[in-house]
Amino acid sequence: NLGSFLSFLFLKDRFLEAIIIGVAYSILNTSNYFYFTSFWQIARGY
């Protein structure tokens, strides 16, 4: 998530595009994290 937004430093002339890409990948990464933690709790219970 931090790396996606750090891309701002390399896309100064496409700031809006960098923001959209950063938010998009943050949503993808966070949803995958919730998938992981859901099964992590199940594994802990087992």
ModelCIF file with pLDDT and N, C-alpha, C, O atoms, coordinates in Angstrom:
data_MODEL
#
_entry.id   MODEL 
#
_entity.id                         1 
_entity.type                       polymer 
_entity.pdbx_number_of_molecules   1 
#
_entity_poly.entity_id                      1 
_entity_poly.type                           'polypeptide(L)' 
_entity_poly.nstd_linkage                   no 
_entity_poly.nstd_monomer                   no 
_entity_poly.pdbx_seq_one_letter_code       NLGSFLSFLFLKDRFLEAIIIGVAYSILNTSNYFYFTSFWQIARGY 
_entity_poly.pdbx_seq_one_letter_code_can   NLGSFLSFLFLKDRFLEAIIIGVAYSILNTSNYFYFTSFWQIARGY 
_entity_poly.pdbx_strand_id                 A 
#
loop_
_entity_poly_seq.entity_id 
_entity_poly_seq.num 
_entity_poly_seq.mon_id 
_entity_poly_seq.hetero 
1 1  ASN n 
1 2  LEU n 
1 3  GLY n 
1 4  SER n 
1 5  PHE n 
1 6  LEU n 
1 7  SER n 
1 8  PHE n 
1 9  LEU n 
1 10 PHE n 
1 11 LEU n 
1 12 LYS n 
1 13 ASP n 
1 14 ARG n 
1 15 PHE n 
1 16 LEU n 
1 17 GLU n 
1 18 ALA n 
1 19 ILE n 
1 20 ILE n 
1 21 ILE n 
1 22 GLY n 
1 23 VAL n 
1 24 ALA n 
1 25 TYR n 
1 26 SER n 
1 27 ILE n 
1 28 LEU n 
1 29 ASN n 
1 30 THR n 
1 31 SER n 
1 32 ASN n 
1 33 TYR n 
1 34 PHE n 
1 35 TYR n 
1 36 PHE n 
1 37 THR n 
1 38 SER n 
1 39 PHE n 
1 40 TRP n 
1 41 GLN n 
1 42 ILE n 
1 43 ALA n 
1 44 ARG n 
1 45 GLY n 
1 46 TYR n 
#
_struct_asym.id          A 
_struct_asym.entity_id   1 
#
loop_
_ma_qa_metric.id 
_ma_qa_metric.mode 
_ma_qa_metric.name 
_ma_qa_metric.software_group_id 
_ma_qa_metric.type 
1 global pLDDT . pLDDT 
2 local  pLDDT . pLDDT 
#
_ma_qa_metric_global.metric_id      1 
_ma_qa_metric_global.metric_value   81.78 
_ma_qa_metric_global.model_id       1 
_ma_qa_metric_global.ordinal_id     1 
#
loop_
_ma_qa_metric_local.label_asym_id 
_ma_qa_metric_local.label_comp_id 
_ma_qa_metric_local.label_seq_id 
_ma_qa_metric_local.metric_id 
_ma_qa_metric_local.metric_value 
_ma_qa_metric_local.model_id 
_ma_qa_metric_local.ordinal_id 
A ASN 1  2 88.00 1 1  
A LEU 2  2 87.00 1 2  
A GLY 3  2 83.00 1 3  
A SER 4  2 78.00 1 4  
A PHE 5  2 76.00 1 5  
A LEU 6  2 76.00 1 6  
A SER 7  2 68.00 1 7  
A PHE 8  2 65.00 1 8  
A LEU 9  2 64.00 1 9  
A PHE 10 2 67.00 1 10 
A LEU 11 2 65.00 1 11 
A LYS 12 2 64.00 1 12 
A ASP 13 2 67.00 1 13 
A ARG 14 2 69.00 1 14 
A PHE 15 2 70.00 1 15 
A LEU 16 2 73.00 1 16 
A GLU 17 2 70.00 1 17 
A ALA 18 2 71.00 1 18 
A ILE 19 2 76.00 1 19 
A ILE 20 2 75.00 1 20 
A ILE 21 2 74.00 1 21 
A GLY 22 2 76.00 1 22 
A VAL 23 2 80.00 1 23 
A ALA 24 2 77.00 1 24 
A TYR 25 2 78.00 1 25 
A SER 26 2 84.00 1 26 
A ILE 27 2 83.00 1 27 
A LEU 28 2 83.00 1 28 
A ASN 29 2 87.00 1 29 
A THR 30 2 89.00 1 30 
A SER 31 2 87.00 1 31 
A ASN 32 2 90.00 1 32 
A TYR 33 2 93.00 1 33 
A PHE 34 2 92.00 1 34 
A TYR 35 2 93.00 1 35 
A PHE 36 2 95.00 1 36 
A THR 37 2 95.00 1 37 
A SER 38 2 94.00 1 38 
A PHE 39 2 96.00 1 39 
A TRP 40 2 96.00 1 40 
A GLN 41 2 96.00 1 41 
A ILE 42 2 95.00 1 42 
A ALA 43 2 95.00 1 43 
A ARG 44 2 95.00 1 44 
A GLY 45 2 94.00 1 45 
A TYR 46 2 93.00 1 46 
#
loop_
_atom_site.group_PDB 
_atom_site.id 
_atom_site.type_symbol 
_atom_site.label_atom_id 
_atom_site.label_alt_id 
_atom_site.label_comp_id 
_atom_site.label_asym_id 
_atom_site.label_entity_id 
_atom_site.label_seq_id 
_atom_site.pdbx_PDB_ins_code 
_atom_site.Cartn_x 
_atom_site.Cartn_y 
_atom_site.Cartn_z 
_atom_site.occupancy 
_atom_site.B_iso_or_equiv 
_atom_site.pdbx_formal_charge 
_atom_site.auth_seq_id 
_atom_site.auth_comp_id 
_atom_site.auth_asym_id 
_atom_site.auth_atom_id 
_atom_site.pdbx_PDB_model_num 
ATOM 1   N N  . ASN A 1 1  ? 0.824   -1.210  0.000   1.00 88.00 ? 1  ASN A N  1 
ATOM 2   C CA . ASN A 1 1  ? 0.000   0.000   0.000   1.00 88.00 ? 1  ASN A CA 1 
ATOM 3   C C  . ASN A 1 1  ? 0.858   1.261   0.000   1.00 88.00 ? 1  ASN A C  1 
ATOM 4   O O  . ASN A 1 1  ? 0.592   2.202   -0.748  1.00 88.00 ? 1  ASN A O  1 
ATOM 5   N N  . LEU A 1 2  ? 1.888   1.275   0.843   1.00 87.00 ? 2  LEU A N  1 
ATOM 6   C CA . LEU A 1 2  ? 2.781   2.437   0.846   1.00 87.00 ? 2  LEU A CA 1 
ATOM 7   C C  . LEU A 1 2  ? 3.545   2.535   -0.471  1.00 87.00 ? 2  LEU A C  1 
ATOM 8   O O  . LEU A 1 2  ? 3.745   3.632   -0.992  1.00 87.00 ? 2  LEU A O  1 
ATOM 9   N N  . GLY A 1 3  ? 3.973   1.399   -1.008  1.00 83.00 ? 3  GLY A N  1 
ATOM 10  C CA . GLY A 1 3  ? 4.708   1.400   -2.264  1.00 83.00 ? 3  GLY A CA 1 
ATOM 11  C C  . GLY A 1 3  ? 3.895   1.935   -3.422  1.00 83.00 ? 3  GLY A C  1 
ATOM 12  O O  . GLY A 1 3  ? 4.426   2.609   -4.305  1.00 83.00 ? 3  GLY A O  1 
ATOM 13  N N  . SER A 1 4  ? 2.585   1.632   -3.420  1.00 78.00 ? 4  SER A N  1 
ATOM 14  C CA . SER A 1 4  ? 1.726   2.141   -4.491  1.00 78.00 ? 4  SER A CA 1 
ATOM 15  C C  . SER A 1 4  ? 1.664   3.655   -4.467  1.00 78.00 ? 4  SER A C  1 
ATOM 16  O O  . SER A 1 4  ? 1.694   4.298   -5.517  1.00 78.00 ? 4  SER A O  1 
ATOM 17  N N  . PHE A 1 5  ? 1.577   4.231   -3.274  1.00 76.00 ? 5  PHE A N  1 
ATOM 18  C CA . PHE A 1 5  ? 1.499   5.684   -3.182  1.00 76.00 ? 5  PHE A CA 1 
ATOM 19  C C  . PHE A 1 5  ? 2.869   6.348   -3.315  1.00 76.00 ? 5  PHE A C  1 
ATOM 20  O O  . PHE A 1 5  ? 2.950   7.520   -3.684  1.00 76.00 ? 5  PHE A O  1 
ATOM 21  N N  . LEU A 1 6  ? 3.933   5.625   -3.024  1.00 76.00 ? 6  LEU A N  1 
ATOM 22  C CA . LEU A 1 6  ? 5.268   6.174   -3.246  1.00 76.00 ? 6  LEU A CA 1 
ATOM 23  C C  . LEU A 1 6  ? 5.566   6.347   -4.731  1.00 76.00 ? 6  LEU A C  1 
ATOM 24  O O  . LEU A 1 6  ? 6.512   7.039   -5.107  1.00 76.00 ? 6  LEU A O  1 
ATOM 25  N N  . SER A 1 7  ? 4.764   5.724   -5.556  1.00 68.00 ? 7  SER A N  1 
ATOM 26  C CA . SER A 1 7  ? 4.926   5.891   -7.004  1.00 68.00 ? 7  SER A CA 1 
ATOM 27  C C  . SER A 1 7  ? 4.691   7.335   -7.425  1.00 68.00 ? 7  SER A C  1 
ATOM 28  O O  . SER A 1 7  ? 5.056   7.732   -8.531  1.00 68.00 ? 7  SER A O  1 
ATOM 29  N N  . PHE A 1 8  ? 4.076   8.126   -6.534  1.00 65.00 ? 8  PHE A N  1 
ATOM 30  C CA . PHE A 1 8  ? 3.887   9.553   -6.828  1.00 65.00 ? 8  PHE A CA 1 
ATOM 31  C C  . PHE A 1 8  ? 5.228   10.220  -7.142  1.00 65.00 ? 8  PHE A C  1 
ATOM 32  O O  . PHE A 1 8  ? 5.314   11.127  -7.969  1.00 65.00 ? 8  PHE A O  1 
ATOM 33  N N  . LEU A 1 9  ? 6.273   9.741   -6.454  1.00 64.00 ? 9  LEU A N  1 
ATOM 34  C CA . LEU A 1 9  ? 7.585   10.360  -6.636  1.00 64.00 ? 9  LEU A CA 1 
ATOM 35  C C  . LEU A 1 9  ? 8.128   10.145  -8.045  1.00 64.00 ? 9  LEU A C  1 
ATOM 36  O O  . LEU A 1 9  ? 8.961   10.917  -8.519  1.00 64.00 ? 9  LEU A O  1 
ATOM 37  N N  . PHE A 1 10 ? 7.653   9.095   -8.712  1.00 67.00 ? 10 PHE A N  1 
ATOM 38  C CA . PHE A 1 10 ? 8.154   8.779   -10.045 1.00 67.00 ? 10 PHE A CA 1 
ATOM 39  C C  . PHE A 1 10 ? 7.175   9.166   -11.150 1.00 67.00 ? 10 PHE A C  1 
ATOM 40  O O  . PHE A 1 10 ? 7.502   9.063   -12.332 1.00 67.00 ? 10 PHE A O  1 
ATOM 41  N N  . LEU A 1 11 ? 5.972   9.612   -10.770 1.00 65.00 ? 11 LEU A N  1 
ATOM 42  C CA . LEU A 1 11 ? 4.961   9.990   -11.758 1.00 65.00 ? 11 LEU A CA 1 
ATOM 43  C C  . LEU A 1 11 ? 4.478   11.411  -11.487 1.00 65.00 ? 11 LEU A C  1 
ATOM 44  O O  . LEU A 1 11 ? 3.274   11.651  -11.388 1.00 65.00 ? 11 LEU A O  1 
ATOM 45  N N  . LYS A 1 12 ? 5.389   12.331  -11.371 1.00 64.00 ? 12 LYS A N  1 
ATOM 46  C CA . LYS A 1 12 ? 5.025   13.699  -11.030 1.00 64.00 ? 12 LYS A CA 1 
ATOM 47  C C  . LYS A 1 12 ? 4.170   14.357  -12.106 1.00 64.00 ? 12 LYS A C  1 
ATOM 48  O O  . LYS A 1 12 ? 3.334   15.208  -11.805 1.00 64.00 ? 12 LYS A O  1 
ATOM 49  N N  . ASP A 1 13 ? 4.379   13.964  -13.363 1.00 67.00 ? 13 ASP A N  1 
ATOM 50  C CA . ASP A 1 13 ? 3.595   14.554  -14.434 1.00 67.00 ? 13 ASP A CA 1 
ATOM 51  C C  . ASP A 1 13 ? 2.260   13.850  -14.635 1.00 67.00 ? 13 ASP A C  1 
ATOM 52  O O  . ASP A 1 13 ? 1.440   14.296  -15.437 1.00 67.00 ? 13 ASP A O  1 
ATOM 53  N N  . ARG A 1 14 ? 2.033   12.743  -13.907 1.00 69.00 ? 14 ARG A N  1 
ATOM 54  C CA . ARG A 1 14 ? 0.760   12.010  -13.999 1.00 69.00 ? 14 ARG A CA 1 
ATOM 55  C C  . ARG A 1 14 ? 0.252   11.740  -12.584 1.00 69.00 ? 14 ARG A C  1 
ATOM 56  O O  . ARG A 1 14 ? 0.022   10.596  -12.193 1.00 69.00 ? 14 ARG A O  1 
ATOM 57  N N  . PHE A 1 15 ? 0.088   12.812  -11.841 1.00 70.00 ? 15 PHE A N  1 
ATOM 58  C CA . PHE A 1 15 ? -0.259  12.705  -10.429 1.00 70.00 ? 15 PHE A CA 1 
ATOM 59  C C  . PHE A 1 15 ? -1.620  12.043  -10.235 1.00 70.00 ? 15 PHE A C  1 
ATOM 60  O O  . PHE A 1 15 ? -1.764  11.175  -9.374  1.00 70.00 ? 15 PHE A O  1 
ATOM 61  N N  . LEU A 1 16 ? -2.623  12.440  -11.025 1.00 73.00 ? 16 LEU A N  1 
ATOM 62  C CA . LEU A 1 16 ? -3.965  11.875  -10.884 1.00 73.00 ? 16 LEU A CA 1 
ATOM 63  C C  . LEU A 1 16 ? -3.965  10.387  -11.207 1.00 73.00 ? 16 LEU A C  1 
ATOM 64  O O  . LEU A 1 16 ? -4.626  9.602   -10.527 1.00 73.00 ? 16 LEU A O  1 
ATOM 65  N N  . GLU A 1 17 ? -3.232  10.002  -12.236 1.00 70.00 ? 17 GLU A N  1 
ATOM 66  C CA . GLU A 1 17 ? -3.139  8.582   -12.592 1.00 70.00 ? 17 GLU A CA 1 
ATOM 67  C C  . GLU A 1 17 ? -2.491  7.789   -11.467 1.00 70.00 ? 17 GLU A C  1 
ATOM 68  O O  . GLU A 1 17 ? -2.915  6.673   -11.169 1.00 70.00 ? 17 GLU A O  1 
ATOM 69  N N  . ALA A 1 18 ? -1.476  8.353   -10.846 1.00 71.00 ? 18 ALA A N  1 
ATOM 70  C CA . ALA A 1 18 ? -0.796  7.671   -9.741  1.00 71.00 ? 18 ALA A CA 1 
ATOM 71  C C  . ALA A 1 18 ? -1.734  7.477   -8.552  1.00 71.00 ? 18 ALA A C  1 
ATOM 72  O O  . ALA A 1 18 ? -1.708  6.434   -7.898  1.00 71.00 ? 18 ALA A O  1 
ATOM 73  N N  . ILE A 1 19 ? -2.568  8.493   -8.275  1.00 76.00 ? 19 ILE A N  1 
ATOM 74  C CA . ILE A 1 19 ? -3.523  8.382   -7.169  1.00 76.00 ? 19 ILE A CA 1 
ATOM 75  C C  . ILE A 1 19 ? -4.521  7.259   -7.442  1.00 76.00 ? 19 ILE A C  1 
ATOM 76  O O  . ILE A 1 19 ? -4.802  6.442   -6.565  1.00 76.00 ? 19 ILE A O  1 
ATOM 77  N N  . ILE A 1 20 ? -5.053  7.225   -8.662  1.00 75.00 ? 20 ILE A N  1 
ATOM 78  C CA . ILE A 1 20 ? -6.042  6.195   -9.017  1.00 75.00 ? 20 ILE A CA 1 
ATOM 79  C C  . ILE A 1 20 ? -5.432  4.800   -8.904  1.00 75.00 ? 20 ILE A C  1 
ATOM 80  O O  . ILE A 1 20 ? -6.043  3.883   -8.355  1.00 75.00 ? 20 ILE A O  1 
ATOM 81  N N  . ILE A 1 21 ? -4.217  4.657   -9.435  1.00 74.00 ? 21 ILE A N  1 
ATOM 82  C CA . ILE A 1 21 ? -3.544  3.350   -9.379  1.00 74.00 ? 21 ILE A CA 1 
ATOM 83  C C  . ILE A 1 21 ? -3.263  2.958   -7.926  1.00 74.00 ? 21 ILE A C  1 
ATOM 84  O O  . ILE A 1 21 ? -3.432  1.798   -7.551  1.00 74.00 ? 21 ILE A O  1 
ATOM 85  N N  . GLY A 1 22 ? -2.828  3.936   -7.101  1.00 76.00 ? 22 GLY A N  1 
ATOM 86  C CA . GLY A 1 22 ? -2.544  3.650   -5.692  1.00 76.00 ? 22 GLY A CA 1 
ATOM 87  C C  . GLY A 1 22 ? -3.776  3.201   -4.936  1.00 76.00 ? 22 GLY A C  1 
ATOM 88  O O  . GLY A 1 22 ? -3.721  2.236   -4.174  1.00 76.00 ? 22 GLY A O  1 
ATOM 89  N N  . VAL A 1 23 ? -4.895  3.893   -5.139  1.00 80.00 ? 23 VAL A N  1 
ATOM 90  C CA . VAL A 1 23 ? -6.148  3.515   -4.472  1.00 80.00 ? 23 VAL A CA 1 
ATOM 91  C C  . VAL A 1 23 ? -6.623  2.153   -4.966  1.00 80.00 ? 23 VAL A C  1 
ATOM 92  O O  . VAL A 1 23 ? -7.078  1.325   -4.178  1.00 80.00 ? 23 VAL A O  1 
ATOM 93  N N  . ALA A 1 24 ? -6.516  1.923   -6.281  1.00 77.00 ? 24 ALA A N  1 
ATOM 94  C CA . ALA A 1 24 ? -6.965  0.656   -6.856  1.00 77.00 ? 24 ALA A CA 1 
ATOM 95  C C  . ALA A 1 24 ? -6.205  -0.522  -6.260  1.00 77.00 ? 24 ALA A C  1 
ATOM 96  O O  . ALA A 1 24 ? -6.809  -1.512  -5.848  1.00 77.00 ? 24 ALA A O  1 
ATOM 97  N N  . TYR A 1 25 ? -4.882  -0.414  -6.217  1.00 78.00 ? 25 TYR A N  1 
ATOM 98  C CA . TYR A 1 25 ? -4.093  -1.509  -5.677  1.00 78.00 ? 25 TYR A CA 1 
ATOM 99  C C  . TYR A 1 25 ? -4.261  -1.647  -4.171  1.00 78.00 ? 25 TYR A C  1 
ATOM 100 O O  . TYR A 1 25 ? -4.125  -2.747  -3.635  1.00 78.00 ? 25 TYR A O  1 
ATOM 101 N N  . SER A 1 26 ? -4.554  -0.556  -3.484  1.00 84.00 ? 26 SER A N  1 
ATOM 102 C CA . SER A 1 26 ? -4.816  -0.654  -2.044  1.00 84.00 ? 26 SER A CA 1 
ATOM 103 C C  . SER A 1 26 ? -6.076  -1.465  -1.783  1.00 84.00 ? 26 SER A C  1 
ATOM 104 O O  . SER A 1 26 ? -6.118  -2.257  -0.842  1.00 84.00 ? 26 SER A O  1 
ATOM 105 N N  . ILE A 1 27 ? -7.102  -1.277  -2.607  1.00 83.00 ? 27 ILE A N  1 
ATOM 106 C CA . ILE A 1 27 ? -8.339  -2.057  -2.474  1.00 83.00 ? 27 ILE A CA 1 
ATOM 107 C C  . ILE A 1 27 ? -8.062  -3.531  -2.731  1.00 83.00 ? 27 ILE A C  1 
ATOM 108 O O  . ILE A 1 27 ? -8.530  -4.397  -1.992  1.00 83.00 ? 27 ILE A O  1 
ATOM 109 N N  . LEU A 1 28 ? -7.294  -3.811  -3.789  1.00 83.00 ? 28 LEU A N  1 
ATOM 110 C CA . LEU A 1 28 ? -6.974  -5.204  -4.110  1.00 83.00 ? 28 LEU A CA 1 
ATOM 111 C C  . LEU A 1 28 ? -6.162  -5.852  -2.989  1.00 83.00 ? 28 LEU A C  1 
ATOM 112 O O  . LEU A 1 28 ? -6.454  -6.973  -2.573  1.00 83.00 ? 28 LEU A O  1 
ATOM 113 N N  . ASN A 1 29 ? -5.149  -5.145  -2.506  1.00 87.00 ? 29 ASN A N  1 
ATOM 114 C CA . ASN A 1 29 ? -4.289  -5.708  -1.462  1.00 87.00 ? 29 ASN A CA 1 
ATOM 115 C C  . ASN A 1 29 ? -5.054  -5.926  -0.159  1.00 87.00 ? 29 ASN A C  1 
ATOM 116 O O  . ASN A 1 29 ? -4.861  -6.934  0.520   1.00 87.00 ? 29 ASN A O  1 
ATOM 117 N N  . THR A 1 30 ? -5.923  -4.974  0.184   1.00 89.00 ? 30 THR A N  1 
ATOM 118 C CA . THR A 1 30 ? -6.672  -5.092  1.434   1.00 89.00 ? 30 THR A CA 1 
ATOM 119 C C  . THR A 1 30 ? -7.680  -6.229  1.374   1.00 89.00 ? 30 THR A C  1 
ATOM 120 O O  . THR A 1 30 ? -7.856  -6.951  2.355   1.00 89.00 ? 30 THR A O  1 
ATOM 121 N N  . SER A 1 31 ? -8.340  -6.396  0.240   1.00 87.00 ? 31 SER A N  1 
ATOM 122 C CA . SER A 1 31 ? -9.306  -7.499  0.107   1.00 87.00 ? 31 SER A CA 1 
ATOM 123 C C  . SER A 1 31 ? -8.603  -8.847  0.213   1.00 87.00 ? 31 SER A C  1 
ATOM 124 O O  . SER A 1 31 ? -9.141  -9.780  0.809   1.00 87.00 ? 31 SER A O  1 
ATOM 125 N N  . ASN A 1 32 ? -7.405  -8.957  -0.361  1.00 90.00 ? 32 ASN A N  1 
ATOM 126 C CA . ASN A 1 32 ? -6.632  -10.199 -0.227  1.00 90.00 ? 32 ASN A CA 1 
ATOM 127 C C  . ASN A 1 32 ? -6.201  -10.424 1.220   1.00 90.00 ? 32 ASN A C  1 
ATOM 128 O O  . ASN A 1 32 ? -6.132  -11.561 1.687   1.00 90.00 ? 32 ASN A O  1 
ATOM 129 N N  . TYR A 1 33 ? -5.915  -9.335  1.919   1.00 93.00 ? 33 TYR A N  1 
ATOM 130 C CA . TYR A 1 33 ? -5.539  -9.447  3.336   1.00 93.00 ? 33 TYR A CA 1 
ATOM 131 C C  . TYR A 1 33 ? -6.697  -9.974  4.178   1.00 93.00 ? 33 TYR A C  1 
ATOM 132 O O  . TYR A 1 33 ? -6.498  -10.804 5.064   1.00 93.00 ? 33 TYR A O  1 
ATOM 133 N N  . PHE A 1 34 ? -7.908  -9.488  3.898   1.00 92.00 ? 34 PHE A N  1 
ATOM 134 C CA . PHE A 1 34 ? -9.075  -9.974  4.628   1.00 92.00 ? 34 PHE A CA 1 
ATOM 135 C C  . PHE A 1 34 ? -9.318  -11.458 4.346   1.00 92.00 ? 34 PHE A C  1 
ATOM 136 O O  . PHE A 1 34 ? -9.724  -12.209 5.234   1.00 92.00 ? 34 PHE A O  1 
ATOM 137 N N  . TYR A 1 35 ? -9.065  -11.871 3.105   1.00 93.00 ? 35 TYR A N  1 
ATOM 138 C CA . TYR A 1 35 ? -9.176  -13.289 2.769   1.00 93.00 ? 35 TYR A CA 1 
ATOM 139 C C  . TYR A 1 35 ? -8.192  -14.105 3.603   1.00 93.00 ? 35 TYR A C  1 
ATOM 140 O O  . TYR A 1 35 ? -8.548  -15.148 4.152   1.00 93.00 ? 35 TYR A O  1 
ATOM 141 N N  . PHE A 1 36 ? -6.974  -13.631 3.691   1.00 95.00 ? 36 PHE A N  1 
ATOM 142 C CA . PHE A 1 36 ? -5.946  -14.321 4.475   1.00 95.00 ? 36 PHE A CA 1 
ATOM 143 C C  . PHE A 1 36 ? -6.334  -14.393 5.950   1.00 95.00 ? 36 PHE A C  1 
ATOM 144 O O  . PHE A 1 36 ? -6.292  -15.468 6.549   1.00 95.00 ? 36 PHE A O  1 
ATOM 145 N N  . THR A 1 37 ? -6.710  -13.262 6.537   1.00 95.00 ? 37 THR A N  1 
ATOM 146 C CA . THR A 1 37 ? -7.009  -13.244 7.968   1.00 95.00 ? 37 THR A CA 1 
ATOM 147 C C  . THR A 1 37 ? -8.241  -14.084 8.310   1.00 95.00 ? 37 THR A C  1 
ATOM 148 O O  . THR A 1 37 ? -8.339  -14.627 9.410   1.00 95.00 ? 37 THR A O  1 
ATOM 149 N N  . SER A 1 38 ? -9.178  -14.188 7.366   1.00 94.00 ? 38 SER A N  1 
ATOM 150 C CA . SER A 1 38 ? -10.354 -15.033 7.603   1.00 94.00 ? 38 SER A CA 1 
ATOM 151 C C  . SER A 1 38 ? -9.936  -16.485 7.775   1.00 94.00 ? 38 SER A C  1 
ATOM 152 O O  . SER A 1 38 ? -10.341 -17.143 8.733   1.00 94.00 ? 38 SER A O  1 
ATOM 153 N N  . PHE A 1 39 ? -9.127  -16.984 6.850   1.00 96.00 ? 39 PHE A N  1 
ATOM 154 C CA . PHE A 1 39 ? -8.664  -18.360 6.969   1.00 96.00 ? 39 PHE A CA 1 
ATOM 155 C C  . PHE A 1 39 ? -7.636  -18.503 8.097   1.00 96.00 ? 39 PHE A C  1 
ATOM 156 O O  . PHE A 1 39 ? -7.489  -19.588 8.660   1.00 96.00 ? 39 PHE A O  1 
ATOM 157 N N  . TRP A 1 40 ? -6.936  -17.439 8.427   1.00 96.00 ? 40 TRP A N  1 
ATOM 158 C CA . TRP A 1 40 ? -6.001  -17.488 9.547   1.00 96.00 ? 40 TRP A CA 1 
ATOM 159 C C  . TRP A 1 40 ? -6.737  -17.758 10.849  1.00 96.00 ? 40 TRP A C  1 
ATOM 160 O O  . TRP A 1 40 ? -6.272  -18.544 11.674  1.00 96.00 ? 40 TRP A O  1 
ATOM 161 N N  . GLN A 1 41 ? -7.878  -17.116 11.039  1.00 96.00 ? 41 GLN A N  1 
ATOM 162 C CA . GLN A 1 41 ? -8.671  -17.368 12.243  1.00 96.00 ? 41 GLN A CA 1 
ATOM 163 C C  . GLN A 1 41 ? -9.199  -18.806 12.270  1.00 96.00 ? 41 GLN A C  1 
ATOM 164 O O  . GLN A 1 41 ? -9.235  -19.441 13.324  1.00 96.00 ? 41 GLN A O  1 
ATOM 165 N N  . ILE A 1 42 ? -9.608  -19.313 11.102  1.00 95.00 ? 42 ILE A N  1 
ATOM 166 C CA . ILE A 1 42 ? -10.085 -20.695 11.033  1.00 95.00 ? 42 ILE A CA 1 
ATOM 167 C C  . ILE A 1 42 ? -8.957  -21.666 11.367  1.00 95.00 ? 42 ILE A C  1 
ATOM 168 O O  . ILE A 1 42 ? -9.154  -22.616 12.125  1.00 95.00 ? 42 ILE A O  1 
ATOM 169 N N  . ALA A 1 43 ? -7.768  -21.424 10.796  1.00 95.00 ? 43 ALA A N  1 
ATOM 170 C CA . ALA A 1 43 ? -6.621  -22.289 11.082  1.00 95.00 ? 43 ALA A CA 1 
ATOM 171 C C  . ALA A 1 43 ? -6.268  -22.247 12.569  1.00 95.00 ? 43 ALA A C  1 
ATOM 172 O O  . ALA A 1 43 ? -5.924  -23.270 13.161  1.00 95.00 ? 43 ALA A O  1 
ATOM 173 N N  . ARG A 1 44 ? -6.354  -21.069 13.161  1.00 95.00 ? 44 ARG A N  1 
ATOM 174 C CA . ARG A 1 44 ? -6.073  -20.933 14.600  1.00 95.00 ? 44 ARG A CA 1 
ATOM 175 C C  . ARG A 1 44 ? -7.077  -21.738 15.422  1.00 95.00 ? 44 ARG A C  1 
ATOM 176 O O  . ARG A 1 44 ? -6.717  -22.363 16.419  1.00 95.00 ? 44 ARG A O  1 
ATOM 177 N N  . GLY A 1 45 ? -8.345  -21.717 14.990  1.00 94.00 ? 45 GLY A N  1 
ATOM 178 C CA . GLY A 1 45 ? -9.362  -22.493 15.688  1.00 94.00 ? 45 GLY A CA 1 
ATOM 179 C C  . GLY A 1 45 ? -9.140  -23.989 15.555  1.00 94.00 ? 45 GLY A C  1 
ATOM 180 O O  . GLY A 1 45 ? -9.272  -24.728 16.531  1.00 94.00 ? 45 GLY A O  1 
ATOM 181 N N  . TYR A 1 46 ? -8.799  -24.445 14.338  1.00 93.00 ? 46 TYR A N  1 
ATOM 182 C CA . TYR A 1 46 ? -8.519  -25.865 14.135  1.00 93.00 ? 46 TYR A CA 1 
ATOM 183 C C  . TYR A 1 46 ? -7.336  -26.315 14.992  1.00 93.00 ? 46 TYR A C  1 
ATOM 184 O O  . TYR A 1 46 ? -6.954  -27.485 14.953  1.00 93.00 ? 46 TYR A O  1 
#
